[in-house]
C-alpha cells in the first residue's frame, strides 16, 4: 500500500475496522465519569464501541501514524454509555519504536458544552446575518422597484397617450410620433437601470488580483472546517498543476464557500451514506482558462430545477433566499469566466466554473468618478402660503376656469407622459421636478388638483401633503409611486388624498383619479363661494338684527324673542323683516340653511 488516504476512500469501513482491533486496557476515574460507565471494567475492551460511525478522527489518527508524526492532536467524538454524543480533544504521543505501541497513552478533554455553546452562538449569528440579508434585500428590492417603475410607468402612459392622439377624428400624427419617441427613450432608460443595478451588485469585485487557486481552496477548507465536521463530511482535493488566475480573491472565495455549503446541504437532505465533497482544479484546452469543479454526493439536480438554477430568488430550500447562485454567476462572469452545473454520471451534482489565467503583468484598472450636478435651491413657502388666503376674485368665477393640474415627479419621462396624457383630453398640466420647485413657482389659484410622487428629492410627497395642510392649502392630491406598502397608502388616504396609484398604471385610472380630484376641488370652491356670499350678506346686519336672526332660526316666536331681548313685539317684526331682506331669503327655512353655512365655516 502506497496511499493510505486513497485506500480509506476506496474502503469507507476500513478505518472503523482498525478501531475494532484497538483495545482499552486501563482508564482513570475521570474517563469513567466522562463516559457515564458503571465502573472501570465496563470501559475496558474494544475501542470501536465508543466511536461514531461517521466520525473521521480514527482515520486522521491512522494517517498521522502513516506519515510518521510523533503526536496527534485533534477533535473527535465519543459515544457515552447512555448514548450521548460527546465532543472531545484528543492528544496522543506516539512512541519512537514499534515496541512502545503495546501501550499508548491517550489524553481526552471534554469540550462538549463549549462546542454546544459555540454552535448556539454561530446559529444565532447565522440567523442574525440572514435577517440582515433579508432586510438589505427588501431595501434593495424597494429601490429597484421605484427606479424601474418610473420608466415603465412612463412607457405605459406614453403608449396610451399615443393611441389617444391616433384615435382622434383627425389624428395628430406629430404629437403621437413624439409620444412614440419617448417610449423608445424610456425603454432604453429601463434597460440602463437594469444594467446599472447589476453593476452595483458587483461593483466592488476588482478582478485584477493574481490568485493561486489551490491555496484559495485550502483557505476555504479551513474556513468551513466546523461545517464539514458537523456534517460528517470530508473535503477531497484533486489539484493539477495550473498557473495563477486573474480575478477577485474575496469574490472567488465567496463562490467556493457557497458551492461547498450547497454541497453539504444537498448531501444532508439526501442523507448520503458517503459524505464526500471533491474540489478539482485543472487547465482547459488552450491554457487560457482554469477550470474548478465542486462535486457533491447528493441526489443531483432535477430536470425541473436545472433551467432556473441560477435565476434570482429561485431556491429549492425552505430557508433559502435564492440569491447565492445568482450572485456567484455574476461574480464569475464579471471576472471573465463562466459558471455551469450538471449531474455526475456516478451521482451527485457538479458545479463548475472557469476563470482566466493571469497575464504576465496585471494592469491596474482605474475607475472614473462622475461629477454630480448641483442640487436645486428653494426660495421659500411664501408664494404658496399666500394662495391659501381667500382670493379677492369671486370664487364662482374661479370655479368656471379651465382646470390646471400640477404634476410633481423627479422623473422627467414620467412628467412628460402625464402632461401629454392630460393634454390628450384637453386638460392643462404643469410639471415640476421637486416640491421645492413647485413652491418657488408662480402658480395661479385655479380649479384643479395636484399629482404627487411619493419619493422625491428633499421634501417627499407624504411630508409635502402634511406641509400643505399646515399652510391651509386644500388642493386635492392624487398620489403615484413606483413602490408602495399598505401603511403608506393608508397614511396618504387618511390625510385626505383622493387616490393612490401604483406605477405603472392604466391611463384611464389616472384620468379617473384626476376627474374625481377636480370634482372635489370644484365642490370645495362652490361651497367656499356660497360661504363668502352668505358672509357678505351677514356683514350688512346690525348687531340687533343678528340677535333677532339667531332667535328666529331657533324657531322661537316673535313674542318670545321680544321678551328675551327686552323689546316690543312690533320692533321684533321690523328687525325680522330687515333680516329676511338683507339675507335675501323668503322663508325661515331658507334663512336656517344660510345660517348653517355660516356655522359650518366657523
Foldseek 3Di string as FASTA:
>chain_A
DPDLVVVCVVPVCPLLVVQQVDWDDFDDPVVCVVLVHPDTVVRTTRRSQFADSLWCVSVVVVVCVVVVHQKDWDWGWTQHPVGDIWIWIKIWGHDPDPVVVVDTDIDIGTCRVVVVVVVVVVVVVVVVVLVVVVVVVVVLVQVLLQQLLLLQQLLQLLQVLLVLQCPDPDRPNVLSVVSVVLNVVSVVVNVVSVVVSLCVLCVPWFQQDWADVVVLVVVLCVVCVVVCSVLSEEEAEAEDDAATFTTGSVLVSLLVNLVVVVLSVQCVVQVPPHWYKYWYWAADPPRFKIKIKIWTAGQEDDPVCQVCQLPAQDDPDPSDRRHSSVSSQSRLVVQPKGWHKGADPVHTIMIMMMGGHRDPDGDDDDDDDDDDDDDDDADDQVLVLVLLDDDPDQLVVQLPDQAEEEEEDLDPSSQVSLQSLCVSVPHHYDYDNAVRRVSRDNDDPHQFAYEAEQDHPDQGDLNVLVVCVVSNNPGAYEYEGSDDDDVVQVSCVVSPHQYYYHGNDHSVVVVVSRVVRSVVSSVVSVLVSLLVLQVVLVVPADPVLVLLLVVVLVVDDLVVSCVVVVHDSVVSVVSPVVSCVSSVHDDSVVSNVSVVSNVVVD
